[in-house]
Amino acid sequence: MSTAILLVLLVAAIVALVMLALRYRQLDRDVERILSRLEIASQSKVASRALYRGVRGLERRLEDAEQATNRLRSAAERTDVGVLISDAAGEIVYANPAARAVMEGNLGDAVAATRIVSLLERVQATGIEEDVDLDLYTPVRRVVRLRAVPIVEGAGAEESDGAVGYIMDLSSIRRVEAMRSDFLTNAGHEMKTPLGALSVLAETIADTDDPETRRRLAERLRSEARRMANVVDDILALADIESIETPFAPVRVGAVVEDAIERVAVLADEVGGRVLATGNGLATIVNGNRNQLVSAIVNLLDNALKHSGSAADRSVEVDVRRQDDQVSIAVRDHGVGIPAAHLERVFERFYRVDRGRDRTAGGTGLGLAIVNNVARTHGGSISVESVPAEGSVFTMLLPLSKE
């Protein structure tokens, strides 16, 4: 590059720097003129600039606070818990969608709405947080917890600046707690009965010297021990089914049915029955846990065979059919049937239609509950149709594999 060109570039750079310096001097004079017009007590440029920096800092903090508020509002808008905020005058200044649904809801919700407003007013006056549980007897019984917390600025403040109210629906939690309590009570009862029998039988065996009596009591002892073992096995099966981490894989329905039929073969011989598999869905594939599916069908077959023991036709049919994107597995027996009043409860844990008959047959009361849980775990359903003295049909629907 020639010296002349370098000289031209140098001059241009100097001119640009000079013009930039002049521009900054003009800006400085403008700032000086503006500051001179402000009536600031100190008349100090340093103080004015500090004030400017303070204002800018306040603006940034306000922006951060606004962002934090928006995040909190977004979270409150999406939660199922109702959130209300009242100001110092007792007026509701915010209510998220869940809270608005209660405040504008039906008769049961109106009771909750009235109580939460009253609770907010009382908490704001006393400065002490409170909570209360309400039973709402709407078409479906619900349990709602109301909680109110005062808003107090500063540790030494005597008056609250408002209150925050929370509305939480505890219905599902209460149902789970009731189911757990019933389960533990029933499980304890089912375990206590064979344990008591084992104790009595052991004492009787110890007090007798007759070989035939000992043999008969030993057989009963074995039977009660087997019964208790069955209860434990079914409880463990339920725990496994309800496990969150259940491995699924493609499973052929026909193979599951064949395995289940093989497992109940001994029982079928004992009651003089037979199990037949039919239908066009045996080759279909479902995505699931093979062991759980086999266990469910075994329980259906076991239930059908035990309740067909005194019927003229002791056969049990397993009809497997494809229905669009589902497969239907229907287990039909020709036994005693189930009265209509019991149909809605047969899938409950430890529920028995005929307790005496079921205990004689060796049932634990958990078989159909296991079937119900397996069906739900696999995204399906279970239903029953029955006519007393004619028999029952249990139908499990499972979604077909998409692979």
Protein backbone atom coordinates (compact mmCIF):
# COMPACT_ATOMS: atom_id res chain seq x y z
CA MET A 1 0.00 0.00 0.00
CA SER A 2 1.45 3.47 -0.98
CA THR A 3 2.38 6.19 1.49
CA ALA A 4 -0.25 8.50 0.00
CA ILE A 5 -3.05 6.05 0.68
CA LEU A 6 -1.86 5.52 4.27
CA LEU A 7 -1.76 9.26 4.78
CA VAL A 8 -5.32 9.65 3.48
CA LEU A 9 -6.57 6.89 5.81
CA LEU A 10 -4.77 8.48 8.78
CA VAL A 11 -6.29 11.88 8.08
CA ALA A 12 -9.75 10.32 7.75
CA ALA A 13 -9.35 8.56 11.08
CA ILE A 14 -8.22 11.77 12.78
CA VAL A 15 -11.18 13.65 11.31
CA ALA A 16 -13.57 10.94 12.56
CA LEU A 17 -12.06 11.07 16.05
CA VAL A 18 -12.30 14.85 16.11
CA MET A 19 -15.94 14.76 15.02
CA LEU A 20 -16.68 12.09 17.66
CA ALA A 21 -14.98 14.19 20.32
CA LEU A 22 -16.98 17.24 19.27
CA ARG A 23 -20.18 15.16 19.40
CA TYR A 24 -19.42 14.00 22.97
CA ARG A 25 -18.59 17.58 24.00
CA GLN A 26 -21.94 18.69 22.59
CA LEU A 27 -23.70 15.87 24.50
CA ASP A 28 -21.83 16.89 27.64
CA ARG A 29 -22.96 20.49 27.23
CA ASP A 30 -26.57 19.29 26.74
CA VAL A 31 -26.38 17.23 29.94
CA GLU A 32 -24.87 20.21 31.79
CA ARG A 33 -27.68 22.44 30.55
CA ILE A 34 -30.36 19.94 31.63
CA LEU A 35 -28.79 19.39 35.04
CA SER A 36 -28.47 23.14 35.60
CA ARG A 37 -32.22 23.46 35.18
CA LEU A 38 -33.00 20.84 37.84
CA GLU A 39 -33.67 22.20 41.30
CA ILE A 40 -31.59 19.75 43.30
CA ALA A 41 -30.75 20.73 46.82
CA SER A 42 -27.03 20.10 46.54
CA GLN A 43 -26.71 21.68 43.06
CA SER A 44 -24.08 18.99 42.54
CA LYS A 45 -23.45 17.28 39.24
CA VAL A 46 -22.17 14.25 41.14
CA ALA A 47 -25.41 14.03 43.14
CA SER A 48 -27.45 14.40 39.96
CA ARG A 49 -25.59 11.63 38.25
CA ALA A 50 -26.00 9.47 41.37
CA LEU A 51 -29.72 10.18 41.25
CA TYR A 52 -29.78 9.13 37.61
CA ARG A 53 -27.94 5.91 38.37
CA GLY A 54 -30.33 5.24 41.28
CA VAL A 55 -33.35 5.72 39.03
CA ARG A 56 -31.89 3.36 36.45
CA GLY A 57 -31.16 0.78 39.16
CA LEU A 58 -34.72 1.10 40.45
CA GLU A 59 -36.06 0.55 36.94
CA ARG A 60 -33.99 -2.61 36.59
CA ARG A 61 -35.21 -3.90 39.96
CA LEU A 62 -38.78 -3.16 38.95
CA GLU A 63 -38.24 -5.11 35.72
CA ASP A 64 -36.83 -8.06 37.69
CA ALA A 65 -39.74 -7.89 40.12
CA GLU A 66 -42.20 -7.83 37.23
CA GLN A 67 -40.57 -10.89 35.67
CA ALA A 68 -40.68 -12.74 39.01
CA THR A 69 -44.34 -11.74 39.44
CA ASN A 70 -45.18 -13.04 35.96
CA ARG A 71 -43.47 -16.34 36.72
CA LEU A 72 -45.40 -16.69 39.98
CA ARG A 73 -48.65 -15.76 38.26
CA SER A 74 -48.01 -18.35 35.53
CA ALA A 75 -47.37 -21.04 38.15
CA ALA A 76 -50.50 -20.08 40.11
CA GLU A 77 -52.61 -20.10 36.93
CA ARG A 78 -51.60 -23.70 36.16
CA THR A 79 -51.95 -25.31 39.59
CA ASP A 80 -54.99 -27.32 40.70
CA VAL A 81 -54.86 -25.59 44.09
CA GLY A 82 -57.14 -22.56 44.33
CA VAL A 83 -55.25 -19.37 45.27
CA LEU A 84 -56.89 -16.10 46.39
CA ILE A 85 -55.26 -12.86 47.57
CA SER A 86 -57.07 -10.14 49.50
CA ASP A 87 -55.75 -6.63 50.12
CA ALA A 88 -55.70 -4.60 53.34
CA ALA A 89 -59.32 -3.57 52.75
CA GLY A 90 -60.44 -7.21 52.56
CA GLU A 91 -61.16 -7.09 48.82
CA ILE A 92 -60.20 -10.09 46.65
CA VAL A 93 -57.57 -8.71 44.26
CA TYR A 94 -56.51 -11.99 42.68
CA ALA A 95 -57.98 -15.46 42.12
CA ASN A 96 -56.45 -18.12 39.90
CA PRO A 97 -58.66 -20.32 37.62
CA ALA A 98 -58.98 -23.08 40.22
CA ALA A 99 -60.18 -20.58 42.82
CA ARG A 100 -62.55 -18.87 40.36
CA ALA A 101 -64.12 -22.27 39.56
CA VAL A 102 -64.98 -22.65 43.25
CA MET A 103 -66.12 -19.04 43.72
CA GLU A 104 -68.46 -19.33 40.71
CA GLY A 105 -69.39 -23.02 41.14
CA ASN A 106 -72.40 -25.02 42.27
CA LEU A 107 -74.10 -25.21 45.67
CA GLY A 108 -71.30 -27.21 47.29
CA ASP A 109 -68.68 -24.80 45.94
CA ALA A 110 -70.73 -21.86 47.19
CA VAL A 111 -70.34 -23.19 50.73
CA ALA A 112 -66.58 -23.38 50.26
CA ALA A 113 -66.49 -19.90 48.70
CA THR A 114 -68.35 -18.38 51.65
CA ARG A 115 -66.09 -20.10 54.17
CA ILE A 116 -62.82 -19.10 52.48
CA VAL A 117 -63.87 -15.43 52.33
CA SER A 118 -64.81 -15.54 56.01
CA LEU A 119 -61.52 -17.25 56.81
CA LEU A 120 -59.53 -14.58 54.96
CA GLU A 121 -61.27 -11.81 56.90
CA ARG A 122 -60.68 -13.48 60.25
CA VAL A 123 -57.01 -14.22 59.52
CA GLN A 124 -56.42 -10.66 58.38
CA ALA A 125 -57.93 -9.38 61.63
CA THR A 126 -56.10 -11.78 63.96
CA GLY A 127 -52.84 -12.19 62.08
CA ILE A 128 -52.93 -15.96 62.81
CA GLU A 129 -53.08 -18.48 59.98
CA GLU A 130 -55.92 -21.01 60.00
CA ASP A 131 -57.10 -24.04 58.06
CA VAL A 132 -60.32 -26.04 58.04
CA ASP A 133 -61.59 -29.19 56.26
CA LEU A 134 -65.05 -29.15 54.68
CA ASP A 135 -67.22 -32.11 53.66
CA LEU A 136 -69.21 -31.06 50.59
CA TYR A 137 -72.17 -33.32 49.92
CA THR A 138 -72.63 -32.61 46.22
CA PRO A 139 -73.67 -35.44 43.84
CA VAL A 140 -70.17 -36.81 44.61
CA ARG A 141 -68.94 -36.40 48.17
CA ARG A 142 -65.86 -34.19 48.32
CA VAL A 143 -63.43 -33.12 51.01
CA VAL A 144 -61.94 -29.63 50.63
CA ARG A 145 -59.26 -28.04 52.81
CA LEU A 146 -59.32 -24.24 53.17
CA ARG A 147 -56.19 -22.47 54.42
CA ALA A 148 -55.63 -18.75 55.01
CA VAL A 149 -52.31 -17.04 55.79
CA PRO A 150 -51.92 -13.33 56.70
CA ILE A 151 -49.59 -11.10 54.68
CA VAL A 152 -47.38 -9.22 57.14
CA GLU A 153 -44.69 -6.77 56.00
CA GLY A 154 -41.76 -7.01 58.39
CA ALA A 155 -41.22 -9.06 61.52
CA GLY A 156 -42.49 -6.41 63.92
CA ALA A 157 -45.59 -5.39 61.98
CA GLU A 158 -48.80 -5.48 64.02
CA GLU A 159 -51.33 -5.24 61.19
CA SER A 160 -51.55 -7.45 58.11
CA ASP A 161 -51.63 -6.00 54.62
CA GLY A 162 -53.97 -8.70 53.35
CA ALA A 163 -54.19 -12.47 53.28
CA VAL A 164 -53.62 -15.42 50.98
CA GLY A 165 -56.17 -18.23 50.78
CA TYR A 166 -55.69 -21.77 49.45
CA ILE A 167 -58.42 -24.20 48.36
CA MET A 168 -57.24 -27.82 48.10
CA ASP A 169 -59.44 -30.76 47.03
CA LEU A 170 -58.46 -33.71 49.24
CA SER A 171 -61.13 -36.10 47.92
CA SER A 172 -58.74 -38.40 46.05
CA ILE A 173 -56.28 -38.42 48.97
CA ARG A 174 -59.06 -39.32 51.41
CA ARG A 175 -60.26 -42.12 49.11
CA VAL A 176 -56.76 -43.55 48.91
CA GLU A 177 -56.40 -43.33 52.69
CA ALA A 178 -59.74 -45.10 53.18
CA MET A 179 -58.75 -47.81 50.69
CA ARG A 180 -55.41 -48.29 52.44
CA SER A 181 -57.11 -48.52 55.83
CA ASP A 182 -59.68 -51.02 54.55
CA PHE A 183 -56.96 -53.03 52.86
CA LEU A 184 -54.85 -53.27 56.00
CA THR A 185 -57.90 -54.18 58.10
CA ASN A 186 -59.04 -56.86 55.67
CA ALA A 187 -55.52 -58.19 55.11
CA GLY A 188 -55.02 -58.47 58.86
CA HIS A 189 -58.33 -60.29 59.21
CA GLU A 190 -57.52 -62.68 56.36
CA MET A 191 -54.12 -63.44 57.88
CA LYS A 192 -55.47 -63.78 61.42
CA THR A 193 -58.01 -66.46 60.52
CA PRO A 194 -55.55 -69.08 59.18
CA LEU A 195 -52.99 -68.14 61.83
CA GLY A 196 -55.55 -68.83 64.55
CA ALA A 197 -56.48 -72.12 62.91
CA LEU A 198 -52.81 -73.10 62.67
CA SER A 199 -52.34 -72.44 66.38
CA VAL A 200 -55.39 -74.48 67.38
CA LEU A 201 -54.49 -77.36 65.08
CA ALA A 202 -50.89 -77.44 66.35
CA GLU A 203 -52.09 -77.59 69.97
CA THR A 204 -54.56 -80.36 69.13
CA ILE A 205 -51.88 -82.41 67.37
CA ALA A 206 -49.63 -82.03 70.41
CA ASP A 207 -52.37 -83.32 72.73
CA THR A 208 -53.40 -86.42 70.74
CA ASP A 209 -51.64 -89.73 70.26
CA ASP A 210 -54.07 -91.20 67.71
CA PRO A 211 -52.22 -91.57 64.36
CA GLU A 212 -55.37 -91.13 62.25
CA THR A 213 -56.36 -87.96 64.13
CA ARG A 214 -52.82 -86.63 63.74
CA ARG A 215 -52.90 -87.34 60.01
CA ARG A 216 -56.25 -85.60 59.55
CA LEU A 217 -55.18 -82.58 61.61
CA ALA A 218 -51.86 -82.38 59.77
CA GLU A 219 -53.75 -82.24 56.46
CA ARG A 220 -55.88 -79.38 57.77
CA LEU A 221 -52.73 -77.72 59.06
CA ARG A 222 -51.24 -77.91 55.57
CA SER A 223 -54.44 -76.54 54.06
CA GLU A 224 -54.51 -73.50 56.37
CA ALA A 225 -50.80 -72.83 55.74
CA ARG A 226 -51.45 -72.97 51.99
CA ARG A 227 -54.36 -70.59 52.39
CA MET A 228 -52.21 -68.07 54.27
CA ALA A 229 -49.48 -68.43 51.66
CA ASN A 230 -52.04 -67.68 48.93
CA VAL A 231 -53.05 -64.47 50.71
CA VAL A 232 -49.41 -63.39 50.97
CA ASP A 233 -48.79 -64.24 47.30
CA ASP A 234 -51.82 -62.21 46.19
CA ILE A 235 -50.79 -59.24 48.32
CA LEU A 236 -47.31 -59.35 46.79
CA ALA A 237 -48.85 -59.66 43.32
CA LEU A 238 -50.92 -56.52 43.93
CA ALA A 239 -47.83 -54.68 45.14
CA ASP A 240 -45.95 -55.72 42.00
CA ILE A 241 -48.80 -54.65 39.70
CA GLU A 242 -49.07 -51.25 41.37
CA SER A 243 -45.32 -50.69 41.04
CA ILE A 244 -44.48 -47.60 38.96
CA GLU A 245 -41.61 -49.26 37.09
CA THR A 246 -43.34 -52.13 35.27
CA PRO A 247 -41.39 -53.50 32.27
CA PHE A 248 -43.57 -53.79 29.16
CA ALA A 249 -42.82 -55.63 25.91
CA PRO A 250 -44.82 -56.96 22.93
CA VAL A 251 -46.73 -60.08 24.00
CA ARG A 252 -48.84 -62.48 21.88
CA VAL A 253 -52.26 -62.87 23.48
CA GLY A 254 -52.57 -66.51 22.44
CA ALA A 255 -49.36 -67.42 24.28
CA VAL A 256 -50.64 -65.72 27.44
CA VAL A 257 -53.95 -67.59 27.27
CA GLU A 258 -52.20 -70.93 26.66
CA ASP A 259 -49.92 -70.38 29.65
CA ALA A 260 -52.87 -69.48 31.89
CA ILE A 261 -54.85 -72.56 30.80
CA GLU A 262 -51.87 -74.78 31.57
CA ARG A 263 -51.57 -73.33 35.08
CA VAL A 264 -55.19 -74.11 35.98
CA ALA A 265 -55.13 -77.61 34.47
CA VAL A 266 -54.86 -79.31 37.89
CA LEU A 267 -57.82 -77.35 39.27
CA ALA A 268 -59.86 -78.15 36.14
CA ASP A 269 -59.23 -81.86 36.72
CA GLU A 270 -60.21 -81.58 40.39
CA VAL A 271 -63.61 -80.00 39.62
CA GLY A 272 -64.18 -82.12 36.53
CA GLY A 273 -64.17 -79.15 34.19
CA ARG A 274 -62.36 -78.11 31.04
CA VAL A 275 -61.12 -74.85 29.54
CA LEU A 276 -61.47 -74.04 25.84
CA ALA A 277 -59.82 -71.15 23.96
CA THR A 278 -61.53 -69.75 20.86
CA GLY A 279 -61.72 -66.57 18.80
CA ASN A 280 -59.89 -64.71 16.07
CA GLY A 281 -57.67 -62.66 18.37
CA LEU A 282 -55.22 -65.26 19.64
CA ALA A 283 -52.52 -64.02 17.25
CA THR A 284 -52.86 -60.36 18.24
CA ILE A 285 -50.05 -58.51 20.00
CA VAL A 286 -50.39 -56.27 23.06
CA ASN A 287 -47.72 -54.21 24.79
CA GLY A 288 -47.54 -55.35 28.39
CA ASN A 289 -46.05 -57.43 31.16
CA ARG A 290 -46.44 -61.12 30.35
CA ASN A 291 -46.39 -62.32 33.97
CA GLN A 292 -49.08 -59.85 35.01
CA LEU A 293 -51.31 -60.70 32.05
CA VAL A 294 -50.97 -64.43 32.72
CA SER A 295 -51.75 -63.81 36.41
CA ALA A 296 -54.91 -61.88 35.49
CA ILE A 297 -56.26 -64.60 33.19
CA VAL A 298 -55.32 -67.33 35.69
CA ASN A 299 -57.38 -65.51 38.31
CA LEU A 300 -60.36 -65.27 35.93
CA LEU A 301 -60.10 -68.97 35.05
CA ASP A 302 -59.59 -69.97 38.70
CA ASN A 303 -62.66 -67.96 39.68
CA ALA A 304 -64.75 -69.49 36.86
CA LEU A 305 -63.73 -73.08 37.62
CA LYS A 306 -64.32 -72.77 41.36
CA HIS A 307 -67.83 -71.42 40.78
CA SER A 308 -68.67 -74.07 38.15
CA GLY A 309 -67.92 -77.07 40.35
CA SER A 310 -71.58 -77.99 40.97
CA ALA A 311 -72.95 -76.90 37.58
CA ALA A 312 -74.19 -79.37 34.99
CA ASP A 313 -71.91 -77.77 32.39
CA ARG A 314 -68.52 -77.26 34.01
CA SER A 315 -66.76 -75.99 30.91
CA VAL A 316 -65.11 -72.58 30.82
CA GLU A 317 -64.60 -70.72 27.52
CA VAL A 318 -61.94 -68.11 26.82
CA ASP A 319 -63.07 -66.15 23.77
CA VAL A 320 -60.37 -63.85 22.37
CA ARG A 321 -61.46 -61.43 19.65
CA ARG A 322 -59.99 -58.41 17.96
CA GLN A 323 -62.16 -55.27 18.15
CA ASP A 324 -60.67 -52.43 16.08
CA ASP A 325 -57.62 -51.26 18.05
CA GLN A 326 -58.38 -53.50 21.05
CA VAL A 327 -58.47 -57.16 21.92
CA SER A 328 -61.28 -58.62 24.00
CA ILE A 329 -60.59 -61.55 26.34
CA ALA A 330 -63.91 -62.94 27.62
CA VAL A 331 -63.99 -65.74 30.23
CA ARG A 332 -67.39 -67.43 30.45
CA ASP A 333 -68.58 -69.97 33.01
CA HIS A 334 -71.90 -71.75 33.57
CA GLY A 335 -71.87 -71.66 37.35
CA VAL A 336 -73.83 -70.06 40.15
CA GLY A 337 -73.69 -66.52 38.77
CA ILE A 338 -73.56 -63.24 40.70
CA PRO A 339 -76.61 -61.32 41.99
CA ALA A 340 -76.99 -57.87 40.40
CA ALA A 341 -76.52 -56.09 43.75
CA HIS A 342 -72.93 -57.36 43.95
CA LEU A 343 -71.75 -56.70 40.40
CA GLU A 344 -70.37 -53.21 41.09
CA ARG A 345 -68.24 -54.39 44.00
CA VAL A 346 -66.76 -57.70 42.87
CA PHE A 347 -63.47 -56.02 41.86
CA GLU A 348 -62.89 -54.54 45.32
CA ARG A 349 -60.13 -56.02 47.45
CA PHE A 350 -61.32 -58.79 49.80
CA TYR A 351 -64.93 -58.37 48.65
CA ARG A 352 -66.81 -61.66 48.56
CA VAL A 353 -70.29 -62.37 47.25
CA ASP A 354 -70.57 -65.51 49.41
CA ARG A 355 -67.90 -65.50 52.13
CA GLY A 356 -68.61 -69.04 53.29
CA ARG A 357 -68.44 -70.50 49.77
CA ASP A 358 -65.32 -68.54 48.80
CA ARG A 359 -63.42 -69.59 51.91
CA THR A 360 -64.41 -73.22 51.31
CA ALA A 361 -63.15 -72.91 47.74
CA GLY A 362 -59.88 -71.46 49.00
CA GLY A 363 -60.25 -67.92 47.59
CA THR A 364 -58.43 -64.96 49.10
CA GLY A 365 -60.79 -62.22 47.94
CA LEU A 366 -57.97 -60.56 45.97
CA GLY A 367 -58.18 -62.37 42.62
CA LEU A 368 -60.56 -60.00 40.83
CA ALA A 369 -58.83 -56.98 42.38
CA ILE A 370 -55.61 -58.23 40.77
CA VAL A 371 -57.40 -58.57 37.41
CA ASN A 372 -58.76 -55.04 37.73
CA ASN A 373 -55.33 -53.60 38.51
CA VAL A 374 -53.66 -55.47 35.64
CA ALA A 375 -56.27 -54.21 33.19
CA ARG A 376 -55.86 -50.59 34.31
CA THR A 377 -52.06 -50.82 34.37
CA HIS A 378 -52.17 -51.93 30.73
CA GLY A 379 -54.52 -49.12 29.71
CA GLY A 380 -57.53 -51.40 29.48
CA SER A 381 -60.64 -52.28 31.47
CA ILE A 382 -62.54 -55.19 32.99
CA SER A 383 -66.30 -55.70 33.15
CA VAL A 384 -68.70 -58.44 34.19
CA GLU A 385 -72.14 -59.65 33.12
CA SER A 386 -73.90 -62.32 35.15
CA VAL A 387 -77.19 -64.10 35.59
CA PRO A 388 -77.75 -66.05 38.83
CA ALA A 389 -77.83 -69.83 38.29
CA GLU A 390 -76.75 -69.39 34.65
CA GLY A 391 -73.19 -68.13 34.85
CA SER A 392 -70.95 -65.11 34.39
CA VAL A 393 -68.83 -63.49 31.69
CA PHE A 394 -65.77 -61.44 32.65
CA THR A 395 -64.44 -59.37 29.74
CA MET A 396 -61.03 -57.72 29.74
CA LEU A 397 -60.25 -55.17 27.02
CA LEU A 398 -56.62 -54.37 26.20
CA PRO A 399 -55.22 -51.94 23.61
CA LEU A 400 -53.31 -53.57 20.76
CA SER A 401 -49.60 -52.87 20.36
CA LYS A 402 -48.84 -50.00 17.98
CA GLU A 403 -45.49 -51.48 16.99
